[in-house]
């Protein structure tokens, strides 16, 4: 099969999935958002970002919850 730049065959990842590159971009964006959320919550409650963790509904920093709703 010939592979031409820009064709689906050329963009297919080594594991055979054409969606792998997009999945990596989504994960990178989600990681960046998580960092921003922890930094914001840390400033909001006066804690260090390392003290913050994400839950399904909030960022918890040093015992304080900052809601994501």
PDB file of N, CA and C in Angstrom:
ATOM      1  N   UNK A   1       0.844  -1.175   0.000  1.00  0.00           N
ATOM      2  CA  UNK A   1       0.000   0.000   0.000  1.00  0.00           C
ATOM      3  C   UNK A   1       0.891   1.241   0.000  1.00  0.00           C
ATOM      4  N   UNK A   2       0.622   2.162  -0.859  1.00  0.00           N
ATOM      5  CA  UNK A   2       1.371   3.415  -0.900  1.00  0.00           C
ATOM      6  C   UNK A   2       0.904   4.316   0.226  1.00  0.00           C
ATOM      7  N   UNK A   3       1.830   5.013   0.807  1.00  0.00           N
ATOM      8  CA  UNK A   3       1.480   5.943   1.886  1.00  0.00           C
ATOM      9  C   UNK A   3       1.795   7.359   1.440  1.00  0.00           C
ATOM     10  N   UNK A   4       0.794   8.168   1.417  1.00  0.00           N
ATOM     11  CA  UNK A   4       0.948   9.553   1.017  1.00  0.00           C
ATOM     12  C   UNK A   4       0.792  10.436   2.238  1.00  0.00           C
ATOM     13  N   UNK A   5       1.623  11.470   2.358  1.00  0.00           N
ATOM     14  CA  UNK A   5       1.486  12.380   3.509  1.00  0.00           C
ATOM     15  C   UNK A   5       0.072  12.936   3.584  1.00  0.00           C
ATOM     16  N   UNK A   6      -0.474  12.941   4.785  1.00  0.00           N
ATOM     17  CA  UNK A   6      -1.797  13.495   4.981  1.00  0.00           C
ATOM     18  C   UNK A   6      -2.919  12.492   4.817  1.00  0.00           C
ATOM     19  N   UNK A   7      -2.603  11.283   4.358  1.00  0.00           N
ATOM     20  CA  UNK A   7      -3.651  10.286   4.236  1.00  0.00           C
ATOM     21  C   UNK A   7      -3.827   9.571   5.564  1.00  0.00           C
ATOM     22  N   UNK A   8      -4.957   8.931   5.726  1.00  0.00           N
ATOM     23  CA  UNK A   8      -5.232   8.203   6.963  1.00  0.00           C
ATOM     24  C   UNK A   8      -4.167   7.136   7.214  1.00  0.00           C
ATOM     25  N   UNK A   9      -3.735   6.453   6.177  1.00  0.00           N
ATOM     26  CA  UNK A   9      -2.728   5.408   6.336  1.00  0.00           C
ATOM     27  C   UNK A   9      -1.418   5.989   6.865  1.00  0.00           C
ATOM     28  N   UNK A  10      -1.082   7.179   6.462  1.00  0.00           N
ATOM     29  CA  UNK A  10       0.160   7.808   6.915  1.00  0.00           C
ATOM     30  C   UNK A  10       0.055   8.274   8.357  1.00  0.00           C
ATOM     31  N   UNK A  11      -1.156   8.536   8.831  1.00  0.00           N
ATOM     32  CA  UNK A  11      -1.345   9.046  10.189  1.00  0.00           C
ATOM     33  C   UNK A  11      -1.624   7.937  11.199  1.00  0.00           C
ATOM     34  N   UNK A  12      -1.687   6.699  10.761  1.00  0.00           N
ATOM     35  CA  UNK A  12      -1.995   5.599  11.657  1.00  0.00           C
ATOM     36  C   UNK A  12      -0.818   5.328  12.576  1.00  0.00           C
ATOM     37  N   UNK A  13      -1.087   5.187  13.869  1.00  0.00           N
ATOM     38  CA  UNK A  13      -0.038   4.942  14.854  1.00  0.00           C
ATOM     39  C   UNK A  13       0.498   3.522  14.729  1.00  0.00           C
ATOM     40  N   UNK A  14       1.617   3.259  15.390  1.00  0.00           N
ATOM     41  CA  UNK A  14       2.259   1.950  15.338  1.00  0.00           C
ATOM     42  C   UNK A  14       1.329   0.846  15.824  1.00  0.00           C
ATOM     43  N   UNK A  15       0.424   1.157  16.753  1.00  0.00           N
ATOM     44  CA  UNK A  15      -0.489   0.123  17.256  1.00  0.00           C
ATOM     45  C   UNK A  15      -1.703  -0.064  16.348  1.00  0.00           C
ATOM     46  N   UNK A  16      -1.736   0.640  15.232  1.00  0.00           N
ATOM     47  CA  UNK A  16      -2.819   0.477  14.278  1.00  0.00           C
ATOM     48  C   UNK A  16      -3.988   1.426  14.478  1.00  0.00           C
ATOM     49  N   UNK A  17      -3.958   2.219  15.540  1.00  0.00           N
ATOM     50  CA  UNK A  17      -5.070   3.117  15.830  1.00  0.00           C
ATOM     51  C   UNK A  17      -4.813   4.501  15.235  1.00  0.00           C
ATOM     52  N   UNK A  18      -5.736   5.002  14.419  1.00  0.00           N
ATOM     53  CA  UNK A  18      -5.568   6.360  13.901  1.00  0.00           C
ATOM     54  C   UNK A  18      -5.856   7.418  14.963  1.00  0.00           C
ATOM     55  N   UNK A  19      -6.336   7.007  16.135  1.00  0.00           N
ATOM     56  CA  UNK A  19      -6.728   7.958  17.168  1.00  0.00           C
ATOM     57  C   UNK A  19      -5.651   8.159  18.239  1.00  0.00           C
ATOM     58  N   UNK A  20      -4.589   7.385  18.223  1.00  0.00           N
ATOM     59  CA  UNK A  20      -3.558   7.475  19.257  1.00  0.00           C
ATOM     60  C   UNK A  20      -2.954   8.885  19.365  1.00  0.00           C
ATOM     61  N   UNK A  21      -2.585   9.549  18.265  1.00  0.00           N
ATOM     62  CA  UNK A  21      -2.035  10.903  18.410  1.00  0.00           C
ATOM     63  C   UNK A  21      -3.029  11.873  19.055  1.00  0.00           C
ATOM     64  N   UNK A  22      -4.303  11.766  18.714  1.00  0.00           N
ATOM     65  CA  UNK A  22      -5.317  12.643  19.315  1.00  0.00           C
ATOM     66  C   UNK A  22      -5.475  12.329  20.794  1.00  0.00           C
ATOM     67  N   UNK A  23      -5.400  11.058  21.154  1.00  0.00           N
ATOM     68  CA  UNK A  23      -5.496  10.660  22.561  1.00  0.00           C
ATOM     69  C   UNK A  23      -4.378  11.251  23.380  1.00  0.00           C
ATOM     70  N   UNK A  24      -3.186  11.294  22.817  1.00  0.00           N
ATOM     71  CA  UNK A  24      -2.045  11.886  23.519  1.00  0.00           C
ATOM     72  C   UNK A  24      -2.253  13.386  23.716  1.00  0.00           C
ATOM     73  N   UNK A  25      -2.809  14.047  22.728  1.00  0.00           N
ATOM     74  CA  UNK A  25      -3.074  15.483  22.834  1.00  0.00           C
ATOM     75  C   UNK A  25      -4.117  15.757  23.908  1.00  0.00           C
ATOM     76  N   UNK A  26      -5.139  14.911  23.971  1.00  0.00           N
ATOM     77  CA  UNK A  26      -6.179  15.069  24.995  1.00  0.00           C
ATOM     78  C   UNK A  26      -5.582  14.873  26.381  1.00  0.00           C
ATOM     79  N   UNK A  27      -4.744  13.867  26.547  1.00  0.00           N
ATOM     80  CA  UNK A  27      -4.111  13.618  27.848  1.00  0.00           C
ATOM     81  C   UNK A  27      -3.202  14.773  28.253  1.00  0.00           C
ATOM     82  N   UNK A  28      -2.467  15.319  27.301  1.00  0.00           N
ATOM     83  CA  UNK A  28      -1.590  16.459  27.589  1.00  0.00           C
ATOM     84  C   UNK A  28      -2.418  17.666  28.035  1.00  0.00           C
ATOM     85  N   UNK A  29      -3.528  17.914  27.358  1.00  0.00           N
ATOM     86  CA  UNK A  29      -4.404  19.026  27.726  1.00  0.00           C
ATOM     87  C   UNK A  29      -5.033  18.795  29.097  1.00  0.00           C
ATOM     88  N   UNK A  30      -5.444  17.567  29.390  1.00  0.00           N
ATOM     89  CA  UNK A  30      -6.037  17.252  30.691  1.00  0.00           C
ATOM     90  C   UNK A  30      -5.021  17.418  31.810  1.00  0.00           C
ATOM     91  N   UNK A  31      -3.783  16.994  31.573  1.00  0.00           N
ATOM     92  CA  UNK A  31      -2.726  17.171  32.575  1.00  0.00           C
ATOM     93  C   UNK A  31      -2.462  18.647  32.839  1.00  0.00           C
ATOM     94  N   UNK A  32      -2.435  19.453  31.773  1.00  0.00           N
ATOM     95  CA  UNK A  32      -2.210  20.888  31.929  1.00  0.00           C
ATOM     96  C   UNK A  32      -3.357  21.542  32.700  1.00  0.00           C
ATOM     97  N   UNK A  33      -4.587  21.130  32.426  1.00  0.00           N
ATOM     98  CA  UNK A  33      -5.738  21.664  33.147  1.00  0.00           C
ATOM     99  C   UNK A  33      -5.672  21.281  34.619  1.00  0.00           C
ATOM    100  N   UNK A  34      -5.272  20.053  34.920  1.00  0.00           N
ATOM    101  CA  UNK A  34      -5.154  19.607  36.308  1.00  0.00           C
ATOM    102  C   UNK A  34      -4.139  20.455  37.067  1.00  0.00           C
ATOM    103  N   UNK A  35      -3.024  20.768  36.427  1.00  0.00           N
ATOM    104  CA  UNK A  35      -2.008  21.626  37.055  1.00  0.00           C
ATOM    105  C   UNK A  35      -2.591  23.000  37.334  1.00  0.00           C
ATOM    106  N   UNK A  36      -3.299  23.569  36.365  1.00  0.00           N
ATOM    107  CA  UNK A  36      -3.895  24.898  36.543  1.00  0.00           C
ATOM    108  C   UNK A  36      -4.935  24.897  37.652  1.00  0.00           C
ATOM    109  N   UNK A  37      -5.744  23.852  37.734  1.00  0.00           N
ATOM    110  CA  UNK A  37      -6.755  23.768  38.791  1.00  0.00           C
ATOM    111  C   UNK A  37      -6.108  23.688  40.171  1.00  0.00           C
ATOM    112  N   UNK A  38      -5.058  22.869  40.297  1.00  0.00           N
ATOM    113  CA  UNK A  38      -4.368  22.761  41.586  1.00  0.00           C
ATOM    114  C   UNK A  38      -3.698  24.080  41.962  1.00  0.00           C
ATOM    115  N   UNK A  39      -3.089  24.758  41.005  1.00  0.00           N
ATOM    116  CA  UNK A  39      -2.447  26.044  41.283  1.00  0.00           C
ATOM    117  C   UNK A  39      -3.470  27.089  41.714  1.00  0.00           C
ATOM    118  N   UNK A  40      -4.606  27.152  41.016  1.00  0.00           N
ATOM    119  CA  UNK A  40      -5.649  28.107  41.376  1.00  0.00           C
ATOM    120  C   UNK A  40      -6.180  27.832  42.779  1.00  0.00           C
ATOM    121  N   UNK A  41      -6.516  26.570  43.053  1.00  0.00           N
ATOM    122  CA  UNK A  41      -7.063  26.212  44.363  1.00  0.00           C
ATOM    123  C   UNK A  41      -6.057  26.492  45.468  1.00  0.00           C
ATOM    124  N   UNK A  42      -4.784  26.228  45.198  1.00  0.00           N
ATOM    125  CA  UNK A  42      -3.741  26.492  46.193  1.00  0.00           C
ATOM    126  C   UNK A  42      -3.680  27.979  46.524  1.00  0.00           C
ATOM    127  N   UNK A  43      -3.708  28.831  45.514  1.00  0.00           N
ATOM    128  CA  UNK A  43      -3.707  30.289  45.763  1.00  0.00           C
ATOM    129  C   UNK A  43      -4.960  30.704  46.519  1.00  0.00           C
ATOM    130  N   UNK A  44      -6.084  30.127  46.156  1.00  0.00           N
ATOM    131  CA  UNK A  44      -7.377  30.483  46.752  1.00  0.00           C
ATOM    132  C   UNK A  44      -7.413  30.195  48.248  1.00  0.00           C
ATOM    133  N   UNK A  45      -6.827  29.067  48.669  1.00  0.00           N
ATOM    134  CA  UNK A  45      -6.874  28.701  50.091  1.00  0.00           C
ATOM    135  C   UNK A  45      -5.567  28.996  50.811  1.00  0.00           C
ATOM    136  N   UNK A  46      -4.546  29.466  50.091  1.00  0.00           N
ATOM    137  CA  UNK A  46      -3.272  29.787  50.721  1.00  0.00           C
ATOM    138  C   UNK A  46      -2.427  28.563  51.030  1.00  0.00           C
ATOM    139  N   UNK A  47      -2.448  27.593  50.128  1.00  0.00           N
ATOM    140  CA  UNK A  47      -1.673  26.368  50.317  1.00  0.00           C
ATOM    141  C   UNK A  47      -0.683  26.222  49.160  1.00  0.00           C
ATOM    142  N   UNK A  48       0.173  25.241  49.263  1.00  0.00           N
ATOM    143  CA  UNK A  48       1.102  24.930  48.176  1.00  0.00           C
ATOM    144  C   UNK A  48       0.405  23.995  47.194  1.00  0.00           C
ATOM    145  N   UNK A  49       0.669  24.142  45.886  1.00  0.00           N
ATOM    146  CA  UNK A  49       0.037  23.260  44.902  1.00  0.00           C
ATOM    147  C   UNK A  49       0.290  21.774  45.181  1.00  0.00           C
ATOM    148  N   UNK A  50       1.418  21.460  45.779  1.00  0.00           N
ATOM    149  CA  UNK A  50       1.720  20.070  46.101  1.00  0.00           C
ATOM    150  C   UNK A  50       0.814  19.490  47.171  1.00  0.00           C
ATOM    151  N   UNK A  51       0.135  20.359  47.914  1.00  0.00           N
ATOM    152  CA  UNK A  51      -0.806  19.918  48.947  1.00  0.00           C
ATOM    153  C   UNK A  51      -2.199  19.643  48.377  1.00  0.00           C
ATOM    154  N   UNK A  52      -2.372  19.909  47.097  1.00  0.00           N
ATOM    155  CA  UNK A  52      -3.700  19.806  46.469  1.00  0.00           C
ATOM    156  C   UNK A  52      -3.836  18.532  45.657  1.00  0.00           C
ATOM    157  N   UNK A  53      -5.068  17.998  45.695  1.00  0.00           N
ATOM    158  CA  UNK A  53      -5.382  16.829  44.871  1.00  0.00           C
ATOM    159  C   UNK A  53      -6.764  17.025  44.283  1.00  0.00           C
ATOM    160  N   UNK A  54      -6.947  16.442  43.108  1.00  0.00           N
ATOM    161  CA  UNK A  54      -8.234  16.531  42.426  1.00  0.00           C
ATOM    162  C   UNK A  54      -9.117  15.366  42.824  1.00  0.00           C
ATOM    163  N   UNK A  55     -10.388  15.666  43.048  1.00  0.00           N
ATOM    164  CA  UNK A  55     -11.398  14.628  43.215  1.00  0.00           C
ATOM    165  C   UNK A  55     -12.410  14.831  42.087  1.00  0.00           C
ATOM    166  N   UNK A  56     -13.437  14.038  42.070  1.00  0.00           N
ATOM    167  CA  UNK A  56     -14.442  14.146  41.006  1.00  0.00           C
ATOM    168  C   UNK A  56     -15.192  15.476  41.043  1.00  0.00           C
ATOM    169  N   UNK A  57     -15.308  16.078  42.235  1.00  0.00           N
ATOM    170  CA  UNK A  57     -16.126  17.285  42.355  1.00  0.00           C
ATOM    171  C   UNK A  57     -15.411  18.489  42.935  1.00  0.00           C
ATOM    172  N   UNK A  58     -14.146  18.337  43.328  1.00  0.00           N
ATOM    173  CA  UNK A  58     -13.454  19.455  43.970  1.00  0.00           C
ATOM    174  C   UNK A  58     -11.941  19.281  43.886  1.00  0.00           C
ATOM    175  N   UNK A  59     -11.252  20.353  44.218  1.00  0.00           N
ATOM    176  CA  UNK A  59      -9.807  20.295  44.451  1.00  0.00           C
ATOM    177  C   UNK A  59      -9.666  20.425  45.969  1.00  0.00           C
ATOM    178  N   UNK A  60      -8.980  19.489  46.595  1.00  0.00           N
ATOM    179  CA  UNK A  60      -8.806  19.501  48.039  1.00  0.00           C
ATOM    180  C   UNK A  60      -7.374  19.935  48.340  1.00  0.00           C
ATOM    181  N   UNK A  61      -7.257  21.025  49.115  1.00  0.00           N
ATOM    182  CA  UNK A  61      -5.954  21.581  49.478  1.00  0.00           C
ATOM    183  C   UNK A  61      -5.904  21.770  50.976  1.00  0.00           C
ATOM    184  N   UNK A  62      -4.991  21.098  51.632  1.00  0.00           N
ATOM    185  CA  UNK A  62      -4.775  21.275  53.072  1.00  0.00           C
ATOM    186  C   UNK A  62      -6.091  21.229  53.855  1.00  0.00           C
ATOM    187  N   UNK A  63      -6.947  20.294  53.494  1.00  0.00           N
ATOM    188  CA  UNK A  63      -8.215  20.129  54.203  1.00  0.00           C
ATOM    189  C   UNK A  63      -9.348  21.016  53.739  1.00  0.00           C
ATOM    190  N   UNK A  64      -9.076  21.914  52.806  1.00  0.00           N
ATOM    191  CA  UNK A  64     -10.115  22.811  52.259  1.00  0.00           C
ATOM    192  C   UNK A  64     -10.551  22.291  50.893  1.00  0.00           C
ATOM    193  N   UNK A  65     -11.844  22.323  50.634  1.00  0.00           N
ATOM    194  CA  UNK A  65     -12.374  21.918  49.329  1.00  0.00           C
ATOM    195  C   UNK A  65     -12.722  23.135  48.502  1.00  0.00           C
ATOM    196  N   UNK A  66     -12.255  23.138  47.259  1.00  0.00           N
ATOM    197  CA  UNK A  66     -12.631  24.170  46.291  1.00  0.00           C
ATOM    198  C   UNK A  66     -13.464  23.447  45.241  1.00  0.00           C
ATOM    199  N   UNK A  67     -14.762  23.727  45.224  1.00  0.00           N
ATOM    200  CA  UNK A  67     -15.707  23.028  44.354  1.00  0.00           C
ATOM    201  C   UNK A  67     -15.414  23.271  42.873  1.00  0.00           C
ATOM    202  N   UNK A  68     -15.640  22.255  42.084  1.00  0.00           N
ATOM    203  CA  UNK A  68     -15.532  22.371  40.628  1.00  0.00           C
ATOM    204  C   UNK A  68     -16.886  22.616  39.979  1.00  0.00           C
ATOM    205  N   UNK A  69     -17.921  22.755  40.809  1.00  0.00           N
ATOM    206  CA  UNK A  69     -19.261  22.980  40.283  1.00  0.00           C
ATOM    207  C   UNK A  69     -19.546  24.445  40.152  1.00  0.00           C
TER     208      UNK A  69
END
